[in-house]
Amino acid sequence: MNDNDKWLIMAFLLMIFGLMLSGWMCRHYVTLW
């Protein structure tokens, strides 16, 4: 596993985390309203 793969995996995990966070925030605000 070289540096390029490591950065690719990190970016992929960050993208998934961002999607989960945005989805959770949307659901939270919808339930708040």
C-alpha atoms as a PDB file:
ATOM      1  CA  MET A   1       0.000   0.000   0.000  1.00  0.00           C
ATOM      2  CA  ASN A   2       1.729   3.156  -1.223  1.00  0.00           C
ATOM      3  CA  ASP A   3       1.042   6.809  -0.394  1.00  0.00           C
ATOM      4  CA  ASN A   4      -1.337   7.278  -3.331  1.00  0.00           C
ATOM      5  CA  ASP A   5      -3.648   4.502  -2.152  1.00  0.00           C
ATOM      6  CA  LYS A   6      -3.568   5.865   1.394  1.00  0.00           C
ATOM      7  CA  TRP A   7      -4.704   9.326   0.263  1.00  0.00           C
ATOM      8  CA  LEU A   8      -7.398   7.764  -1.936  1.00  0.00           C
ATOM      9  CA  ILE A   9      -8.784   5.741   0.969  1.00  0.00           C
ATOM     10  CA  MET A  10      -8.652   8.756   3.287  1.00  0.00           C
ATOM     11  CA  ALA A  11     -10.549  10.903   0.776  1.00  0.00           C
ATOM     12  CA  PHE A  12     -13.116   8.120   0.300  1.00  0.00           C
ATOM     13  CA  LEU A  13     -13.680   7.785   4.066  1.00  0.00           C
ATOM     14  CA  LEU A  14     -13.962  11.564   4.401  1.00  0.00           C
ATOM     15  CA  MET A  15     -16.587  11.654   1.644  1.00  0.00           C
ATOM     16  CA  ILE A  16     -18.629   8.891   3.310  1.00  0.00           C
ATOM     17  CA  PHE A  17     -18.349  10.625   6.697  1.00  0.00           C
ATOM     18  CA  GLY A  18     -19.484  13.931   5.157  1.00  0.00           C
ATOM     19  CA  LEU A  19     -22.468  12.279   3.500  1.00  0.00           C
ATOM     20  CA  MET A  20     -23.489  10.559   6.726  1.00  0.00           C
ATOM     21  CA  LEU A  21     -23.097  13.772   8.710  1.00  0.00           C
ATOM     22  CA  SER A  22     -25.140  15.840   6.237  1.00  0.00           C
ATOM     23  CA  GLY A  23     -27.843  13.175   6.128  1.00  0.00           C
ATOM     24  CA  TRP A  24     -27.985  13.039   9.934  1.00  0.00           C
ATOM     25  CA  MET A  25     -28.157  16.849  10.158  1.00  0.00           C
ATOM     26  CA  CYS A  26     -30.996  16.975   7.612  1.00  0.00           C
ATOM     27  CA  ARG A  27     -32.949  14.332   9.519  1.00  0.00           C
ATOM     28  CA  HIS A  28     -32.282  16.084  12.831  1.00  0.00           C
ATOM     29  CA  TYR A  29     -33.522  19.430  11.527  1.00  0.00           C
ATOM     30  CA  VAL A  30     -36.587  17.836   9.930  1.00  0.00           C
ATOM     31  CA  THR A  31     -37.526  16.231  13.251  1.00  0.00           C
ATOM     32  CA  LEU A  32     -36.880  19.551  15.011  1.00  0.00           C
ATOM     33  CA  TRP A  33     -39.415  21.289  12.792  1.00  0.00           C
END
